Each structure stands twice: as structure tokens, then as C-alpha cells.
Amino acid sequence: MTAGENSHASVLDRVQYLDVVRVLSMGSVVFLHSAARSLRAGYGSSVWHFVNVLTSVMSAAVPLFFMLSGALLLSSPRTLSIGYTLRRRVPRLLVPFLTWSLLAVIYYFVLEWRATSTPDWAGAVDKLKHLPAQPTAIALWFLYALIPLYILSPLIKRLVDSLSREAAIYLVALWVFFSCILPTAASFAPVWFRPLLTLDSRYDLNAIAGYAGYFVVGYYLMRMRRPVAKKWLVAIICVDLVAIALGTWGKTTETGAYNEVFKTYTHLFTVVMSCALFLLCKELLRAKALGTVTARAVQVVTPLAFGVYLVHSLLVDLFSRLTDWSPASSIPVMIAYYLVVLAASVAFIGVMSAIKPLCWVLTGQRYSGWWRRIRRPPAADAFEGSVTARE
């Protein structure tokens, strides 16, 4: 293999593992919401323990979405263009967000009307009025955190491009300490000791707090060249999984109600899980590409991931009303319920993406880009294409 071919193969590996992470994250976030009612009912049952274990690892789904966005946006030279960001990238999030927010209001309005025989126009208007501060569907909160990061992405890229290795480590260390370690330590500390681990709200670290850290960490993990032993990553994931599952079980037993503090997205255990899963996908595809059939499936599903994220919570609610599968009465029922919701979400977004007037409005995906991705052989993908097709 020539040097040029070797470089091209490296690019394809990078695209493949990023797309694999996106598809796995999509499936995981659908499971999180499908399993939500089962976690809050039937505590101690086999279904509860099964769902608790799976959601312990799948809680990394949302952080992985932030890491993917950071990895892709901060690697693209186009991110430096404020005009391109505001004209092209922000609308691809903002328009679907507004569309699905309106559809959620209509959905719940119709349900309330059918249940009470009285249209609640005031309630629908109130939801729209509070849209800037409160999502109309539970899963849409994600956009309230991601859209600002897109708006800030030209500035964040200039920052990370200019940082030395030492400064980059310092930036990430600040995020880990103030956003992850301190809150995690406070959740373990006795009540009398917690004030010593809780910062005043005026101690302003917003620039490096919360999900912005995942955005930057995803970029640095993608750029990291030194291989990480897969056996160590698997060991970290397994130990972390046990800690989160047992911790959740213990906290739930202690409080008498489902307690997900161990699964909080900026909790240290979730941060470790997210980074380890990201790196494991990267290492697994560092020297070995996906088979043709798997690569084709990932290639077709990847552009649908964002749309699936937007629609799935409404379908979770719909199927919970139409069936008695949630909360699940058994593990097979839980699995069936999840697979039905996932399949319906993918099918719905797939159909909508094939309708030109609806594709961009509902998914932020270019209609032509969607069809090119289906027709194009997996090996023809390029890294910049992977960025622009979704971002």
C-alpha cells in the first residue's frame, strides 16, 4: 500500500468509527427513554435490574452526541467562518428544533382534546410562549445545550487551534475538576460536608462548564494518535458499569425512589464511560474496517440519527398509550418495546427524508445528501463529506 493509500485508509477508519459511535448513540438514547418508565416502576424486579445495567452504559449516549459534534465541527476548517456557521450549520439544528417543538405541542394538544373533549388552546399557546426556556418534548432539551455550542463553534475552534498541548490539558482538567469531580464528590459526601464542595453560582466557569467540555474532549480524543490498549478500555468500561449499576441500586434503595445521580451526564462515572466507549470504537476500527454489509447499514442509518433523536420521544409516548408494554412486565417485553420504537423511529425518519419538502425541515439533512449516501459505496466516503453531511 502506498503512502497516499495508507492516508486515505486512515481517513476512512476515522469516518467509520465516528459513524459507528453515532449509530450506537442513537440506539442507546432511544433505549434510555423506552426504559424510563420501567426504571421508575417494579423496583427490584428482574426487568428493573436488566434495564438498570443497560442504562448504566447507555447513559453515555447523550455525551457521545456532544463529543461527536465537537470532533466533527472543530476538525472542519469551515467552522472558522462565522457566516457559514450562522447561514448553514445553526439552521440545520434550529429549524428541525422549532418544527419538532411545534409538532410536540400539536401532539399533546390533540391527546388532551381527545381525553377531555375540550381543546386547551391556552395551554398550547403557553407551551409555545415558554419555548425559549422549556422544551415541549422531553428529548428536545438536548438542543438547548447543543445550539449554543454551534453558535460558539467558530470561537471554540480558534481557541483549540491556538492552544499548546499543556494549555489543552489545563483546559480539559479544569472542566473535569469543576464540572465533574466536585459535583460527584458532593453526591457522595455527608450532608454537613457538601457546602465545602459546592461553588457559589457567581463563581462563573460557564465557558468550560457542562456540555462544552464534552464538545472539546471529543475533538481531542479524535485527534489523539497514541493507541490505547483495547483490553484496558474494556476493563474500564466493565468496572465503571458495575459502579454505576450498583451505585444506582444503592441510591434507589436508600431513597425509596429511582435515583439516577450515578447516571447524570456530567457525573464522573458517566464521563469516564463516555470517553472509554469513544476510544474503544476508535481503536476497534483503527486497523480493521467494517464489513461491506455492516458499513452499508451504518452509512444509510447515520444521516437519520439526528431525526431519530428528535422523533423518538413522541413515539415512546404514543406506543406507551397504545400498548401495555411500558412499564415492561418482563425482559422480552422490554426488548420488544424498544425494538418497535427504534424501528418505527428509523422508518418514519427514513420516509420523511425521502420527501424533498420535509427532509431538511424535519431532519436538517440535505435531501440530495441523503440519497447520495444511500447510492454511494461505503469506500467512497471522505472525512469532509462526513462532516458536512450532518453538520
Protein backbone atom coordinates (compact mmCIF):
# COMPACT_ATOMS: atom_id res chain seq x y z
CA MET A 1 0.00 0.00 0.00
CA THR A 2 1.36 3.42 -0.94
CA ALA A 3 1.65 6.32 1.45
CA GLY A 4 -1.32 8.01 -0.24
CA GLU A 5 -3.44 4.88 0.05
CA ASN A 6 -2.45 4.47 3.67
CA SER A 7 -3.50 8.06 4.40
CA HIS A 8 -6.82 7.51 2.62
CA ALA A 9 -7.44 4.33 4.63
CA SER A 10 -6.77 6.23 7.84
CA VAL A 11 -9.37 8.84 6.88
CA LEU A 12 -11.93 6.13 6.13
CA ASP A 13 -11.29 4.49 9.50
CA ARG A 14 -11.90 7.80 11.22
CA VAL A 15 -15.18 8.29 9.39
CA GLN A 16 -16.29 4.74 10.10
CA TYR A 17 -15.75 4.86 13.84
CA LEU A 18 -17.41 8.26 14.13
CA ASP A 19 -20.43 6.97 12.21
CA VAL A 20 -20.49 3.80 14.34
CA VAL A 21 -20.46 5.91 17.51
CA ARG A 22 -23.33 7.99 16.13
CA VAL A 23 -25.46 4.93 15.32
CA LEU A 24 -24.75 3.31 18.70
CA SER A 25 -25.59 6.59 20.45
CA MET A 26 -28.83 6.85 18.51
CA GLY A 27 -29.89 3.34 19.54
CA SER A 28 -28.87 3.95 23.14
CA VAL A 29 -30.78 7.19 23.57
CA VAL A 30 -33.93 5.51 22.24
CA PHE A 31 -33.45 2.75 24.83
CA LEU A 32 -32.99 5.28 27.64
CA HIS A 33 -36.40 6.81 27.01
CA SER A 34 -38.07 3.47 26.23
CA ALA A 35 -36.87 2.14 29.58
CA ALA A 36 -37.64 5.25 31.65
CA ARG A 37 -40.99 4.05 33.00
CA SER A 38 -39.66 0.57 33.74
CA LEU A 39 -36.91 2.12 35.88
CA ARG A 40 -39.47 4.06 37.88
CA ALA A 41 -41.74 1.06 38.47
CA GLY A 42 -41.18 -2.50 39.62
CA TYR A 43 -38.07 -1.72 41.65
CA GLY A 44 -36.10 -4.86 42.46
CA SER A 45 -37.64 -6.98 39.70
CA SER A 46 -35.60 -8.78 37.05
CA VAL A 47 -36.76 -6.18 34.49
CA TRP A 48 -35.58 -3.33 36.71
CA HIS A 49 -32.12 -4.84 37.20
CA PHE A 50 -31.83 -5.65 33.48
CA VAL A 51 -32.75 -2.11 32.49
CA ASN A 52 -30.56 -0.61 35.21
CA VAL A 53 -27.49 -2.44 33.91
CA LEU A 54 -28.11 -1.48 30.28
CA THR A 55 -28.84 2.16 31.02
CA SER A 56 -25.67 2.30 33.11
CA VAL A 57 -23.64 2.03 29.91
CA MET A 58 -26.18 3.69 27.60
CA SER A 59 -26.22 6.85 29.71
CA ALA A 60 -23.12 7.73 27.69
CA ALA A 61 -25.34 8.20 24.61
CA VAL A 62 -26.00 11.93 25.03
CA PRO A 63 -22.40 12.80 26.00
CA LEU A 64 -21.25 10.89 22.92
CA PHE A 65 -23.51 13.05 20.74
CA PHE A 66 -21.82 16.16 22.15
CA MET A 67 -18.39 14.60 21.65
CA LEU A 68 -19.21 13.72 18.03
CA SER A 69 -20.39 17.25 17.30
CA GLY A 70 -17.22 18.68 18.80
CA ALA A 71 -15.00 16.19 16.97
CA LEU A 72 -16.57 16.98 13.60
CA LEU A 73 -17.09 20.72 13.91
CA LEU A 74 -13.75 21.56 15.47
CA SER A 75 -11.94 19.48 12.82
CA SER A 76 -13.53 21.29 9.89
CA PRO A 77 -11.83 24.45 8.50
CA ARG A 78 -15.30 25.77 7.63
CA THR A 79 -16.05 26.15 11.33
CA LEU A 80 -13.78 29.21 11.38
CA SER A 81 -16.29 31.01 9.16
CA ILE A 82 -18.89 32.78 11.28
CA GLY A 83 -21.02 33.40 8.20
CA TYR A 84 -21.01 29.73 7.21
CA THR A 85 -21.86 28.70 10.78
CA LEU A 86 -24.81 31.07 11.04
CA ARG A 87 -26.11 30.51 7.48
CA ARG A 88 -25.64 26.77 7.14
CA ARG A 89 -24.97 24.95 10.38
CA VAL A 90 -27.10 26.66 13.00
CA PRO A 91 -30.28 26.50 10.83
CA ARG A 92 -29.77 22.72 10.44
CA LEU A 93 -30.38 22.44 14.17
CA LEU A 94 -32.68 25.39 14.75
CA VAL A 95 -35.26 24.66 12.03
CA PRO A 96 -35.81 20.97 12.99
CA PHE A 97 -35.87 22.00 16.66
CA LEU A 98 -38.63 24.55 16.04
CA THR A 99 -40.51 22.13 13.78
CA TRP A 100 -40.50 19.29 16.29
CA SER A 101 -41.29 21.65 19.15
CA LEU A 102 -44.42 22.73 17.28
CA LEU A 103 -45.31 19.13 16.38
CA ALA A 104 -44.95 18.13 20.05
CA VAL A 105 -47.33 20.89 21.08
CA ILE A 106 -49.84 19.72 18.47
CA TYR A 107 -49.42 16.08 19.52
CA TYR A 108 -50.11 16.72 23.22
CA PHE A 109 -52.87 19.20 22.34
CA VAL A 110 -54.70 16.54 20.32
CA LEU A 111 -54.26 13.94 23.08
CA GLU A 112 -55.65 16.33 25.69
CA TRP A 113 -58.55 17.23 23.40
CA ARG A 114 -59.43 13.57 22.87
CA ALA A 115 -59.22 12.86 26.60
CA THR A 116 -61.27 15.82 27.82
CA SER A 117 -63.34 16.70 24.71
CA THR A 118 -62.24 20.30 25.29
CA PRO A 119 -59.45 21.95 23.29
CA ASP A 120 -56.90 23.58 25.57
CA TRP A 121 -55.82 26.46 23.34
CA ALA A 122 -54.44 28.45 26.28
CA GLY A 123 -52.20 25.55 27.31
CA ALA A 124 -50.84 25.14 23.78
CA VAL A 125 -50.11 28.86 23.48
CA ASP A 126 -48.44 28.82 26.91
CA LYS A 127 -46.11 26.00 25.83
CA LEU A 128 -45.11 27.95 22.73
CA LYS A 129 -44.62 31.12 24.77
CA HIS A 130 -42.23 29.32 27.12
CA LEU A 131 -40.39 27.53 24.30
CA PRO A 132 -37.15 29.54 24.79
CA ALA A 133 -36.90 28.24 28.36
CA GLN A 134 -38.71 24.90 28.38
CA PRO A 135 -38.79 22.07 25.81
CA THR A 136 -42.17 20.89 24.57
CA ALA A 137 -40.95 17.27 24.45
CA ILE A 138 -38.54 15.72 26.92
CA ALA A 139 -35.84 14.75 24.40
CA LEU A 140 -35.62 18.25 22.91
CA TRP A 141 -33.66 19.59 25.91
CA PHE A 142 -30.55 18.36 24.10
CA LEU A 143 -30.90 21.14 21.52
CA TYR A 144 -30.95 23.80 24.23
CA ALA A 145 -27.37 22.80 25.03
CA LEU A 146 -26.16 21.99 21.51
CA ILE A 147 -27.38 25.04 19.58
CA PRO A 148 -25.34 27.49 21.72
CA LEU A 149 -22.26 25.33 21.15
CA TYR A 150 -22.83 25.53 17.40
CA ILE A 151 -23.14 29.31 17.65
CA LEU A 152 -19.91 29.45 19.65
CA SER A 153 -18.08 26.88 17.50
CA PRO A 154 -16.04 29.42 15.43
CA LEU A 155 -14.67 30.89 18.66
CA ILE A 156 -14.11 27.50 20.27
CA LYS A 157 -12.22 26.31 17.19
CA ARG A 158 -9.95 29.34 17.23
CA LEU A 159 -9.31 28.62 20.89
CA VAL A 160 -8.42 24.93 20.50
CA ASP A 161 -6.34 25.59 17.37
CA SER A 162 -4.21 28.08 19.27
CA LEU A 163 -3.69 26.07 22.45
CA SER A 164 -0.43 24.33 23.22
CA ARG A 165 -0.56 20.76 24.49
CA GLU A 166 -0.05 22.00 28.05
CA ALA A 167 -2.83 24.58 27.75
CA ALA A 168 -5.20 21.99 26.22
CA ILE A 169 -4.59 19.62 29.15
CA TYR A 170 -5.19 22.51 31.54
CA LEU A 171 -8.50 23.37 29.83
CA VAL A 172 -9.77 19.79 29.99
CA ALA A 173 -8.53 19.40 33.57
CA LEU A 174 -10.49 22.48 34.63
CA TRP A 175 -13.66 21.05 33.12
CA VAL A 176 -13.15 17.63 34.71
CA PHE A 177 -12.47 19.12 38.13
CA PHE A 178 -15.16 21.80 38.35
CA SER A 179 -17.94 20.19 36.27
CA CYS A 180 -17.38 16.52 37.09
CA ILE A 181 -15.23 15.77 40.13
CA LEU A 182 -16.68 18.38 42.51
CA PRO A 183 -20.36 17.52 41.83
CA THR A 184 -19.56 13.81 42.02
CA ALA A 185 -17.72 14.21 45.30
CA ALA A 186 -20.61 16.29 46.67
CA SER A 187 -23.07 13.49 45.84
CA PHE A 188 -21.03 11.07 48.00
CA ALA A 189 -20.26 13.46 50.85
CA PRO A 190 -22.30 13.66 54.07
CA VAL A 191 -24.87 16.45 54.08
CA TRP A 192 -22.86 18.53 56.57
CA PHE A 193 -19.77 18.41 54.31
CA ARG A 194 -21.44 19.20 50.95
CA PRO A 195 -21.22 23.01 51.28
CA LEU A 196 -17.42 22.68 51.10
CA LEU A 197 -17.78 21.03 47.68
CA THR A 198 -20.47 23.34 46.27
CA LEU A 199 -19.47 26.55 44.50
CA ASP A 200 -21.46 29.76 44.64
CA SER A 201 -23.33 30.43 41.40
CA ARG A 202 -21.31 33.63 40.95
CA TYR A 203 -18.15 31.53 40.68
CA ASP A 204 -18.57 31.79 36.92
CA LEU A 205 -16.99 28.94 34.94
CA ASN A 206 -19.69 28.71 32.27
CA ALA A 207 -17.14 28.88 29.46
CA ILE A 208 -15.73 25.49 30.44
CA ALA A 209 -18.71 24.01 32.29
CA GLY A 210 -21.30 21.39 31.46
CA TYR A 211 -21.55 20.03 27.94
CA ALA A 212 -18.98 22.41 26.44
CA GLY A 213 -16.36 20.14 27.99
CA TYR A 214 -17.64 17.12 26.05
CA PHE A 215 -17.57 19.22 22.88
CA VAL A 216 -13.85 19.92 23.32
CA VAL A 217 -12.95 16.48 24.70
CA GLY A 218 -14.48 14.79 21.64
CA TYR A 219 -12.21 16.83 19.40
CA TYR A 220 -9.07 15.99 21.36
CA LEU A 221 -9.90 12.29 21.59
CA MET A 222 -10.39 12.16 17.84
CA ARG A 223 -7.04 13.84 17.25
CA MET A 224 -5.19 11.64 19.73
CA ARG A 225 -2.73 9.50 17.80
CA ARG A 226 -1.31 7.29 20.52
CA PRO A 227 -3.16 3.94 20.57
CA VAL A 228 -4.91 2.86 23.75
CA ALA A 229 -4.97 -0.84 24.63
CA LYS A 230 -8.42 -2.23 23.94
CA LYS A 231 -8.23 -4.60 26.91
CA TRP A 232 -7.76 -1.65 29.25
CA LEU A 233 -10.67 0.23 27.72
CA VAL A 234 -12.90 -2.83 28.09
CA ALA A 235 -11.77 -3.23 31.71
CA ILE A 236 -12.53 0.43 32.46
CA ILE A 237 -15.98 0.14 30.87
CA CYS A 238 -16.80 -3.03 32.83
CA VAL A 239 -15.64 -1.62 36.19
CA ASP A 240 -17.46 1.64 35.52
CA LEU A 241 -20.61 -0.24 34.51
CA VAL A 242 -20.60 -2.19 37.78
CA ALA A 243 -20.03 1.01 39.80
CA ILE A 244 -22.88 2.88 38.10
CA ALA A 245 -25.33 -0.04 38.29
CA LEU A 246 -24.57 -0.85 41.93
CA GLY A 247 -24.50 2.83 42.86
CA THR A 248 -27.90 3.39 41.26
CA TRP A 249 -29.29 0.33 43.02
CA GLY A 250 -27.90 1.50 46.35
CA LYS A 251 -29.16 5.08 45.97
CA THR A 252 -32.59 3.87 44.86
CA THR A 253 -32.79 1.54 47.86
CA GLU A 254 -31.71 4.36 50.16
CA THR A 255 -34.18 6.97 48.87
CA GLY A 256 -37.10 4.66 48.09
CA ALA A 257 -37.46 6.05 44.57
CA TYR A 258 -35.42 5.69 41.40
CA ASN A 259 -32.26 7.75 41.80
CA GLU A 260 -30.09 8.37 38.74
CA VAL A 261 -27.37 10.53 40.27
CA PHE A 262 -24.75 8.00 39.10
CA LYS A 263 -26.08 8.36 35.54
CA THR A 264 -26.02 12.15 35.46
CA TYR A 265 -24.36 13.22 32.23
CA THR A 266 -21.59 15.23 33.89
CA HIS A 267 -21.11 12.75 36.74
CA LEU A 268 -17.52 11.48 36.78
CA PHE A 269 -18.59 7.87 36.16
CA THR A 270 -20.51 8.88 33.02
CA VAL A 271 -17.61 10.99 31.78
CA VAL A 272 -15.26 8.02 32.12
CA MET A 273 -17.76 5.70 30.42
CA SER A 274 -18.28 8.10 27.51
CA CYS A 275 -14.58 8.65 26.86
CA ALA A 276 -13.79 4.93 27.12
CA LEU A 277 -16.57 3.97 24.68
CA PHE A 278 -15.47 6.66 22.20
CA LEU A 279 -11.87 5.44 22.31
CA LEU A 280 -12.88 1.77 22.12
CA CYS A 281 -14.79 2.35 18.88
CA LYS A 282 -11.79 4.26 17.57
CA GLU A 283 -9.34 1.51 18.48
CA LEU A 284 -11.52 -1.30 17.14
CA LEU A 285 -11.60 0.38 13.72
CA ARG A 286 -8.06 1.70 13.77
CA ALA A 287 -6.66 -1.22 11.77
CA LYS A 288 -9.81 -3.10 10.71
CA ALA A 289 -12.66 -1.71 8.64
CA LEU A 290 -16.29 -2.81 8.90
CA GLY A 291 -17.54 -5.48 6.54
CA THR A 292 -19.31 -4.31 3.41
CA VAL A 293 -22.84 -5.08 4.62
CA THR A 294 -22.30 -3.52 8.05
CA ALA A 295 -20.60 -0.48 6.54
CA ARG A 296 -23.52 -0.02 4.15
CA ALA A 297 -26.06 -0.26 7.01
CA VAL A 298 -24.13 2.25 9.11
CA GLN A 299 -23.78 4.56 6.13
CA VAL A 300 -27.53 4.52 5.45
CA VAL A 301 -28.61 4.94 9.09
CA THR A 302 -26.08 7.62 10.08
CA PRO A 303 -27.87 10.56 8.38
CA LEU A 304 -31.09 9.52 10.13
CA ALA A 305 -29.64 9.64 13.66
CA PHE A 306 -30.48 13.27 14.38
CA GLY A 307 -34.05 12.87 13.13
CA VAL A 308 -34.49 9.69 15.17
CA TYR A 309 -33.35 11.59 18.24
CA LEU A 310 -35.98 14.26 17.58
CA VAL A 311 -38.95 11.96 16.93
CA HIS A 312 -38.39 9.01 19.23
CA SER A 313 -39.73 10.51 22.48
CA LEU A 314 -43.11 11.16 20.85
CA LEU A 315 -43.21 7.57 19.59
CA VAL A 316 -42.23 6.29 23.04
CA ASP A 317 -45.20 8.18 24.45
CA LEU A 318 -47.52 7.01 21.66
CA PHE A 319 -46.66 3.32 21.99
CA SER A 320 -46.92 3.51 25.79
CA ARG A 321 -50.51 4.70 25.30
CA LEU A 322 -51.38 2.16 22.61
CA THR A 323 -49.89 -0.88 24.38
CA ASP A 324 -49.37 -2.15 27.91
CA TRP A 325 -45.67 -2.73 27.26
CA SER A 326 -44.48 0.17 29.41
CA PRO A 327 -43.57 -0.33 32.16
CA ALA A 328 -42.46 -3.70 30.88
CA SER A 329 -43.78 -6.81 32.56
CA SER A 330 -40.80 -8.94 31.51
CA ILE A 331 -37.41 -8.65 29.84
CA PRO A 332 -38.69 -9.93 26.44
CA VAL A 333 -41.47 -7.31 26.55
CA MET A 334 -38.90 -4.61 27.33
CA ILE A 335 -36.74 -5.67 24.40
CA ALA A 336 -39.75 -5.88 22.07
CA TYR A 337 -40.99 -2.45 23.12
CA TYR A 338 -37.56 -0.92 22.50
CA LEU A 339 -37.14 -2.57 19.11
CA VAL A 340 -40.61 -1.45 17.99
CA VAL A 341 -39.92 2.15 19.00
CA LEU A 342 -36.47 2.10 17.38
CA ALA A 343 -37.73 0.54 14.13
CA ALA A 344 -40.68 2.94 13.95
CA SER A 345 -38.39 5.94 14.57
CA VAL A 346 -35.89 4.90 11.89
CA ALA A 347 -38.65 4.04 9.41
CA PHE A 348 -40.51 7.31 9.99
CA ILE A 349 -37.41 9.48 9.59
CA GLY A 350 -36.33 7.40 6.59
CA VAL A 351 -39.65 8.08 4.86
CA MET A 352 -39.61 11.77 5.79
CA SER A 353 -36.05 12.06 4.49
CA ALA A 354 -37.21 10.69 1.13
CA ILE A 355 -39.77 13.50 0.77
CA LYS A 356 -37.95 16.55 -0.52
CA PRO A 357 -40.08 19.30 1.11
CA LEU A 358 -39.87 17.59 4.52
CA CYS A 359 -36.30 16.26 4.62
CA TRP A 360 -34.47 19.42 5.67
CA VAL A 361 -37.31 20.78 7.83
CA LEU A 362 -37.61 17.61 9.93
CA THR A 363 -34.03 16.35 9.96
CA GLY A 364 -31.67 19.18 9.00
CA GLN A 365 -30.33 16.77 6.36
CA ARG A 366 -29.95 17.85 2.75
CA TYR A 367 -32.25 15.83 0.50
CA SER A 368 -29.54 15.30 -2.14
CA GLY A 369 -27.00 14.35 0.53
CA TRP A 370 -29.32 11.65 1.89
CA TRP A 371 -29.79 9.96 -1.48
CA ARG A 372 -26.11 10.23 -2.42
CA ARG A 373 -25.25 8.45 0.82
CA ILE A 374 -27.56 5.55 0.01
CA ARG A 375 -26.26 5.10 -3.53
CA ARG A 376 -22.57 5.70 -2.87
CA PRO A 377 -20.39 2.68 -1.99
CA PRO A 378 -19.08 2.85 1.60
CA ALA A 379 -15.46 3.13 0.45
CA ALA A 380 -16.20 6.40 -1.40
CA ASP A 381 -16.82 8.37 1.80
CA ALA A 382 -14.45 11.21 2.63
CA PHE A 383 -13.85 12.82 6.00
CA GLU A 384 -15.02 16.28 4.97
CA GLY A 385 -18.13 14.66 3.49
CA SER A 386 -18.87 13.06 6.84
CA VAL A 387 -18.66 16.46 8.46
CA THR A 388 -20.86 18.36 6.05
CA ALA A 389 -23.45 15.64 5.58
CA ARG A 390 -24.58 16.02 9.18
CA GLU A 391 -23.03 19.24 10.49
